[in-house]
Amino acid sequence: MTTERTSDGLRYGWTTGACATAATTAAYTALLTGEFPDPVEVPLPKGKRPSFALATERLDAASASAGVVKDAGDDPDVTHGALIVSTVSTGEPGSGVTFRAGHGVGTVTRPGLPLDVGEPAINPVPRQMMRDAINRVAAQYDGAGDVVVEISIPHGEEMARHTWNPRLGIVGGLSVLGTTGVVVPYSCSAWIDSIRRGVDVARAMGHQHVAAAVGSTSERVAQELYQLPDSALLDMGDFAGAVLKYLRRHPIPRLTVAGGFAKMSKLAAGFLDLHSKRSQVDFGLLSRMAAEAGHPELAGPIETANTAIHALEISQAAGLDLGALVAVKARETADDVLRGAPVTTDVVVVNRSGTIVGRS
């Protein structure tokens, strides 16, 4: 469906919202005319007009359904290859477009999301794209535009277990997402958006304390340490900056940042993206920290350590609490990004086994 590529040669893809819009366009056209257009061209919010091939078609007297296989390009999207199906049926006169969650599409059960509790997890921009598609088809074929649009994603409930949806209180399946219709490879925009929605849900539920963790081990430690509910946990991954910048604008009184020694060392050095491709452990900083803490003899060994954990082991063997020093510096970075927002921070540093090796 797409041959456009980034400057790195990676293929762009299309969001579930764009695929759902293509399927809805085809289904409503078939409901009014008896024929499915294939391929289906869809105008996207920023002007692109990709065409989508149909993978499934079904038409009867009361409804029509069409399916599009999602192509996420070269992005490692959990929904790449998923079948997005739209079933369109005639609604009550004057009802406009009503959305329903079919099999594999989630339902909102918690406040704080851009949808009301009880609504299908079809986000606002995809909803507007589908409304616009219904209006275009209605105008072209003299339809009323009063329809029920049911989006389903076979195996969506299983795929949703690998997303933020369970933690956000979206049950039963995936969300239909996308603000531009385009998936930019490795932009991680969906992950960052999920972080923001996690903060929104925590605020709406009145949580006074949230924990942003790099991975499952550090998350478990933070949750057990402070007895936090799942809805107060933010799967930060490598995106410390996304958490801190969003909390600066949408504060929660207390934030715990938790992660392994290497990732927290990067945060201590001022890096906000902790991915190995975009930041590296600053061994020079760690060696200076050791020297300033009264252990100049460790500066050389730490600066030439094989890994961050190796540096930690060297310091521990000499009785230096390097993990605590890293926690202090990491907290300073977090506070600097928060820029006086009413958020109290603390940092928990763990090793691979989940033992706390530093706190601030």
Protein backbone atom coordinates (compact mmCIF):
# COMPACT_ATOMS: atom_id res chain seq x y z
CA MET A 1 0.00 0.00 0.00
CA THR A 2 2.94 2.36 0.52
CA THR A 3 6.39 2.84 -0.95
CA GLU A 4 7.24 6.10 0.83
CA ARG A 5 10.37 5.92 2.93
CA THR A 6 12.19 7.91 5.56
CA SER A 7 15.66 9.36 5.02
CA ASP A 8 16.97 6.13 6.58
CA GLY A 9 15.21 4.04 3.93
CA LEU A 10 12.48 2.76 6.26
CA ARG A 11 8.92 2.41 4.94
CA TYR A 12 6.14 4.51 6.40
CA GLY A 13 2.95 2.68 7.39
CA TRP A 14 -0.70 3.45 8.10
CA THR A 15 -2.47 3.64 11.46
CA THR A 16 -5.39 1.50 12.56
CA GLY A 17 -7.50 4.65 12.22
CA ALA A 18 -6.58 5.05 8.56
CA CYS A 19 -7.29 1.37 7.88
CA ALA A 20 -10.64 1.58 9.69
CA THR A 21 -11.53 4.63 7.60
CA ALA A 22 -10.72 2.80 4.37
CA ALA A 23 -12.80 -0.20 5.46
CA THR A 24 -15.69 2.06 6.52
CA THR A 25 -15.60 3.90 3.19
CA ALA A 26 -15.79 0.63 1.26
CA ALA A 27 -18.50 -0.86 3.46
CA TYR A 28 -20.81 2.17 3.29
CA THR A 29 -20.28 2.48 -0.46
CA ALA A 30 -21.30 -1.17 -0.86
CA LEU A 31 -24.33 -0.68 1.41
CA LEU A 32 -25.57 2.15 -0.85
CA THR A 33 -24.51 0.81 -4.26
CA GLY A 34 -24.08 -2.93 -3.93
CA GLU A 35 -20.46 -2.72 -5.06
CA PHE A 36 -17.23 -2.53 -3.04
CA PRO A 37 -14.62 -0.05 -4.32
CA ASP A 38 -11.21 -1.71 -4.38
CA PRO A 39 -8.73 -0.19 -3.82
CA VAL A 40 -10.08 2.56 -1.56
CA GLU A 41 -8.47 6.00 -1.46
CA VAL A 42 -8.51 7.79 1.91
CA PRO A 43 -7.60 11.47 2.45
CA LEU A 44 -5.54 11.81 5.63
CA PRO A 45 -5.38 14.85 7.95
CA LYS A 46 -2.06 16.14 6.56
CA GLY A 47 -2.93 15.76 2.90
CA LYS A 48 -1.72 12.28 1.94
CA ARG A 49 -4.17 10.15 -0.05
CA PRO A 50 -3.09 6.50 0.19
CA SER A 51 -5.05 3.67 -1.40
CA PHE A 52 -5.93 0.49 0.51
CA ALA A 53 -6.69 -2.93 -0.95
CA LEU A 54 -9.59 -4.84 0.59
CA ALA A 55 -8.87 -8.19 2.23
CA THR A 56 -12.49 -9.13 3.04
CA GLU A 57 -15.94 -8.17 1.77
CA ARG A 58 -19.45 -9.12 2.91
CA LEU A 59 -22.79 -7.65 1.88
CA ASP A 60 -26.33 -8.49 2.90
CA ALA A 61 -29.63 -6.64 3.00
CA ALA A 62 -29.00 -4.95 6.36
CA SER A 63 -25.27 -4.31 6.47
CA ALA A 64 -21.95 -4.38 4.66
CA SER A 65 -18.50 -5.10 6.00
CA ALA A 66 -15.02 -4.67 4.58
CA GLY A 67 -11.59 -5.52 5.97
CA VAL A 68 -8.14 -4.01 5.45
CA VAL A 69 -4.87 -5.60 6.57
CA LYS A 70 -2.80 -3.05 8.45
CA ASP A 71 0.65 -2.31 7.03
CA ALA A 72 2.72 -0.53 9.68
CA GLY A 73 5.65 -0.18 7.29
CA ASP A 74 8.96 -0.88 8.98
CA ASP A 75 7.73 0.07 12.44
CA PRO A 76 7.69 -2.76 15.04
CA ASP A 77 3.99 -2.20 15.66
CA VAL A 78 2.12 -4.94 17.53
CA THR A 79 -0.83 -4.48 15.15
CA HIS A 80 1.20 -4.86 11.93
CA GLY A 81 -0.64 -7.42 9.80
CA ALA A 82 -3.87 -7.17 11.80
CA LEU A 83 -7.16 -7.29 9.94
CA ILE A 84 -9.23 -4.14 10.58
CA VAL A 85 -12.90 -4.77 9.78
CA SER A 86 -15.68 -2.19 9.57
CA THR A 87 -19.32 -3.26 9.49
CA VAL A 88 -21.75 -0.51 8.52
CA SER A 89 -25.49 -0.78 9.00
CA THR A 90 -28.35 1.69 8.70
CA GLY A 91 -29.03 3.74 11.83
CA GLU A 92 -32.07 5.59 13.12
CA PRO A 93 -33.04 8.68 11.08
CA GLY A 94 -31.20 11.73 12.38
CA SER A 95 -28.79 9.67 14.50
CA GLY A 96 -25.68 10.51 12.49
CA VAL A 97 -22.74 8.16 12.94
CA THR A 98 -22.76 5.84 15.94
CA PHE A 99 -19.65 3.83 16.82
CA ARG A 100 -19.58 0.37 18.36
CA ALA A 101 -16.77 -1.90 19.50
CA GLY A 102 -16.80 -5.22 17.73
CA HIS A 103 -14.75 -8.27 18.66
CA GLY A 104 -11.15 -7.32 19.46
CA VAL A 105 -11.79 -3.60 20.00
CA GLY A 106 -11.67 -2.36 23.58
CA THR A 107 -14.13 -0.43 25.71
CA VAL A 108 -13.18 2.44 28.04
CA THR A 109 -13.76 1.64 31.73
CA ARG A 110 -11.77 4.40 33.49
CA PRO A 111 -11.93 8.21 33.40
CA GLY A 112 -9.10 10.36 32.12
CA LEU A 113 -9.04 9.26 28.49
CA PRO A 114 -10.31 11.43 25.61
CA LEU A 115 -13.41 9.20 25.50
CA ASP A 116 -16.22 8.74 28.01
CA VAL A 117 -16.42 5.61 30.15
CA GLY A 118 -18.42 2.97 28.29
CA GLU A 119 -17.39 4.23 24.83
CA PRO A 120 -15.62 2.05 22.26
CA ALA A 121 -11.86 2.69 22.27
CA ILE A 122 -11.96 4.47 18.92
CA ASN A 123 -10.03 7.70 19.38
CA PRO A 124 -11.35 11.14 18.37
CA VAL A 125 -9.30 11.65 15.18
CA PRO A 126 -10.17 8.23 13.68
CA ARG A 127 -13.83 8.90 14.58
CA GLN A 128 -13.73 12.19 12.71
CA MET A 129 -11.99 10.57 9.74
CA MET A 130 -14.77 7.96 9.57
CA ARG A 131 -17.51 10.57 9.97
CA ASP A 132 -15.98 12.52 7.10
CA ALA A 133 -15.82 9.36 5.00
CA ILE A 134 -19.50 8.58 5.69
CA ASN A 135 -20.44 12.14 4.71
CA ARG A 136 -18.46 11.95 1.46
CA VAL A 137 -20.04 8.64 0.46
CA ALA A 138 -23.51 9.84 1.48
CA ALA A 139 -23.13 12.96 -0.65
CA GLN A 140 -21.87 10.98 -3.64
CA TYR A 141 -24.59 8.31 -3.56
CA ASP A 142 -27.50 10.21 -2.02
CA GLY A 143 -27.36 8.44 1.34
CA ALA A 144 -28.74 9.75 4.62
CA GLY A 145 -25.47 9.32 6.54
CA ASP A 146 -27.26 7.83 9.57
CA VAL A 147 -25.27 4.67 10.24
CA VAL A 148 -23.85 2.40 12.89
CA VAL A 149 -20.14 1.71 12.38
CA GLU A 150 -18.79 -1.33 14.21
CA ILE A 151 -15.03 -1.82 14.12
CA SER A 152 -13.61 -5.24 14.92
CA ILE A 153 -10.07 -6.63 14.93
CA PRO A 154 -9.77 -10.44 14.98
CA HIS A 155 -7.35 -11.53 17.73
CA GLY A 156 -7.34 -7.93 19.00
CA GLU A 157 -7.93 -8.96 22.59
CA GLU A 158 -4.81 -11.11 22.52
CA MET A 159 -2.74 -8.36 20.87
CA ALA A 160 -3.97 -5.82 23.42
CA ARG A 161 -2.20 -7.73 26.20
CA HIS A 162 1.06 -6.43 24.72
CA THR A 163 -0.10 -2.79 24.88
CA TRP A 164 -0.93 -0.29 27.61
CA ASN A 165 -4.68 -0.90 27.24
CA PRO A 166 -5.18 -3.18 30.27
CA ARG A 167 -3.42 -0.68 32.53
CA LEU A 168 -5.40 2.24 31.09
CA GLY A 169 -8.65 0.43 31.82
CA ILE A 170 -9.44 -0.35 28.17
CA VAL A 171 -10.86 -3.86 28.26
CA GLY A 172 -11.74 -6.35 25.55
CA GLY A 173 -9.21 -5.44 22.90
CA LEU A 174 -7.20 -2.84 21.05
CA SER A 175 -7.72 0.88 20.54
CA VAL A 176 -8.25 2.41 17.10
CA LEU A 177 -5.55 5.06 17.06
CA GLY A 178 -3.85 7.66 14.89
CA THR A 179 -3.73 11.44 14.66
CA THR A 180 -2.19 11.76 11.19
CA GLY A 181 -3.02 8.37 9.70
CA VAL A 182 0.68 7.73 9.12
CA VAL A 183 2.96 5.43 11.13
CA VAL A 184 6.49 6.87 11.23
CA PRO A 185 8.96 3.98 11.70
CA TYR A 186 10.54 3.90 15.14
CA SER A 187 9.02 7.26 16.11
CA CYS A 188 7.57 5.52 19.20
CA SER A 189 4.72 8.02 19.09
CA ALA A 190 2.21 5.40 20.24
CA TRP A 191 4.32 4.61 23.33
CA ILE A 192 4.69 8.29 24.21
CA ASP A 193 0.97 8.83 23.71
CA SER A 194 0.29 5.89 26.04
CA ILE A 195 2.52 7.49 28.69
CA ARG A 196 0.43 10.65 28.47
CA ARG A 197 -2.84 8.72 28.67
CA GLY A 198 -1.44 6.86 31.70
CA VAL A 199 -0.84 10.18 33.45
CA ASP A 200 -4.33 11.36 32.48
CA VAL A 201 -5.94 8.23 33.93
CA ALA A 202 -3.92 8.47 37.14
CA ARG A 203 -4.96 12.12 37.58
CA ALA A 204 -8.61 11.34 36.86
CA MET A 205 -8.54 8.58 39.47
CA GLY A 206 -7.13 10.97 42.04
CA HIS A 207 -3.75 9.28 42.50
CA GLN A 208 -1.28 11.39 44.45
CA HIS A 209 1.73 9.22 43.65
CA VAL A 210 2.80 7.56 40.40
CA ALA A 211 5.85 5.51 39.49
CA ALA A 212 7.53 5.68 36.08
CA ALA A 213 9.69 2.62 35.52
CA VAL A 214 12.12 1.64 32.78
CA GLY A 215 11.17 -2.05 32.81
CA SER A 216 9.25 -4.78 34.57
CA THR A 217 11.86 -5.44 37.26
CA SER A 218 12.16 -1.82 38.38
CA GLU A 219 8.38 -1.42 38.13
CA ARG A 220 7.81 -4.39 40.45
CA VAL A 221 10.29 -2.96 42.96
CA ALA A 222 8.65 0.49 42.94
CA GLN A 223 5.14 -0.96 43.22
CA GLU A 224 6.08 -3.16 46.18
CA LEU A 225 8.08 -0.39 47.84
CA TYR A 226 5.18 2.06 47.84
CA GLN A 227 2.18 -0.29 47.54
CA LEU A 228 0.93 1.42 44.38
CA PRO A 229 -2.04 0.18 42.34
CA ASP A 230 -1.51 -0.78 38.70
CA SER A 231 -3.26 2.39 37.54
CA ALA A 232 -0.50 4.45 39.21
CA LEU A 233 2.28 2.75 37.23
CA LEU A 234 3.69 4.35 34.07
CA ASP A 235 5.56 2.08 31.66
CA MET A 236 8.20 4.70 30.87
CA GLY A 237 10.55 2.51 28.86
CA ASP A 238 13.35 4.72 27.56
CA PHE A 239 11.20 7.86 27.42
CA ALA A 240 12.07 9.65 30.65
CA GLY A 241 11.67 12.99 28.92
CA ALA A 242 8.13 12.19 27.80
CA VAL A 243 7.10 11.44 31.38
CA LEU A 244 8.78 14.48 32.93
CA LYS A 245 7.65 16.98 30.30
CA TYR A 246 4.03 15.82 30.46
CA LEU A 247 4.01 15.90 34.26
CA ARG A 248 5.42 19.42 34.12
CA ARG A 249 2.22 20.46 32.35
CA HIS A 250 -0.11 18.00 34.12
CA PRO A 251 1.39 17.55 37.61
CA ILE A 252 0.78 14.75 40.08
CA PRO A 253 2.08 15.48 43.61
CA ARG A 254 4.65 12.69 43.76
CA LEU A 255 6.70 10.87 41.14
CA THR A 256 9.01 7.91 41.62
CA VAL A 257 11.42 7.20 38.77
CA ALA A 258 12.74 3.63 38.84
CA GLY A 259 15.22 1.86 36.64
CA GLY A 260 18.39 -0.16 36.31
CA PHE A 261 21.79 1.31 37.11
CA ALA A 262 22.80 1.85 33.47
CA LYS A 263 19.59 3.65 32.47
CA MET A 264 19.60 5.79 35.60
CA SER A 265 23.25 6.64 34.93
CA LYS A 266 22.14 8.06 31.58
CA LEU A 267 19.44 10.11 33.29
CA ALA A 268 22.06 11.30 35.79
CA ALA A 269 24.12 12.53 32.84
CA GLY A 270 21.18 14.57 31.58
CA PHE A 271 19.90 12.24 28.86
CA LEU A 272 16.10 12.10 28.55
CA ASP A 273 16.00 9.36 25.89
CA LEU A 274 17.60 6.31 27.49
CA HIS A 275 17.69 4.04 24.43
CA SER A 276 21.08 2.52 23.64
CA LYS A 277 20.98 3.90 20.08
CA ARG A 278 20.42 7.46 21.30
CA SER A 279 22.44 7.74 24.50
CA GLN A 280 25.40 6.03 26.11
CA VAL A 281 26.56 5.61 29.71
CA ASP A 282 29.02 8.40 30.55
CA PHE A 283 31.82 6.51 32.32
CA GLY A 284 33.77 9.75 32.68
CA LEU A 285 30.93 11.17 34.76
CA LEU A 286 30.81 8.04 36.93
CA SER A 287 34.56 8.21 37.52
CA ARG A 288 34.36 11.90 38.49
CA MET A 289 31.53 11.12 40.88
CA ALA A 290 33.68 8.48 42.54
CA ALA A 291 36.64 10.84 42.85
CA GLU A 292 34.51 13.65 44.27
CA ALA A 293 33.06 11.20 46.81
CA GLY A 294 36.54 10.56 48.22
CA HIS A 295 37.63 7.61 46.07
CA PRO A 296 40.04 9.01 43.46
CA GLU A 297 41.68 5.58 43.23
CA LEU A 298 38.47 4.28 41.57
CA ALA A 299 38.34 6.92 38.84
CA GLY A 300 40.53 5.02 36.39
CA PRO A 301 38.97 1.56 36.87
CA ILE A 302 35.45 2.97 36.62
CA GLU A 303 36.22 5.01 33.50
CA THR A 304 37.57 1.90 31.75
CA ALA A 305 34.90 -0.49 33.05
CA ASN A 306 33.37 -2.86 30.50
CA THR A 307 29.78 -2.03 31.40
CA ALA A 308 27.79 0.13 33.80
CA ILE A 309 27.20 -2.89 36.03
CA HIS A 310 30.95 -3.53 36.04
CA ALA A 311 31.47 0.05 37.25
CA LEU A 312 28.89 -0.52 39.96
CA GLU A 313 30.61 -3.73 41.07
CA ILE A 314 33.98 -1.96 41.25
CA SER A 315 32.52 0.75 43.47
CA GLN A 316 30.67 -1.70 45.69
CA ALA A 317 33.82 -3.75 46.26
CA ALA A 318 35.55 -0.59 47.50
CA GLY A 319 32.66 0.42 49.75
CA LEU A 320 31.49 3.31 47.55
CA ASP A 321 27.72 3.70 47.18
CA LEU A 322 27.83 4.73 43.51
CA GLY A 323 24.17 3.74 43.05
CA ALA A 324 23.10 6.37 45.57
CA LEU A 325 25.24 9.02 43.85
CA VAL A 326 23.62 8.16 40.52
CA ALA A 327 20.17 8.38 42.12
CA VAL A 328 20.94 11.90 43.39
CA LYS A 329 22.13 13.08 39.97
CA ALA A 330 19.19 11.43 38.20
CA ARG A 331 16.81 13.17 40.56
CA GLU A 332 18.50 16.50 39.80
CA THR A 333 17.91 15.92 36.09
CA ALA A 334 14.25 15.11 36.73
CA ASP A 335 13.74 18.18 38.89
CA ASP A 336 15.42 20.36 36.26
CA VAL A 337 13.01 19.14 33.57
CA LEU A 338 10.02 19.61 35.88
CA ARG A 339 11.09 23.25 36.34
CA GLY A 340 9.34 24.00 39.56
CA ALA A 341 6.14 22.07 38.83
CA PRO A 342 4.41 20.93 42.06
CA VAL A 343 5.86 17.41 41.80
CA THR A 344 8.03 15.83 44.50
CA THR A 345 10.46 13.31 43.02
CA ASP A 346 12.44 10.34 44.20
CA VAL A 347 14.61 7.90 42.29
CA VAL A 348 15.06 4.17 42.85
CA VAL A 349 18.02 2.40 41.22
CA VAL A 350 18.05 -1.39 40.97
CA ASN A 351 20.37 -4.07 39.67
CA ARG A 352 19.42 -6.88 37.29
CA SER A 353 17.99 -9.05 40.07
CA GLY A 354 15.79 -6.24 41.41
CA THR A 355 17.89 -5.39 44.45
CA ILE A 356 17.84 -1.68 45.27
CA VAL A 357 21.37 -0.28 44.84
CA GLY A 358 20.55 3.41 45.21
CA ARG A 359 17.79 5.77 46.31
CA SER A 360 17.37 9.51 46.45
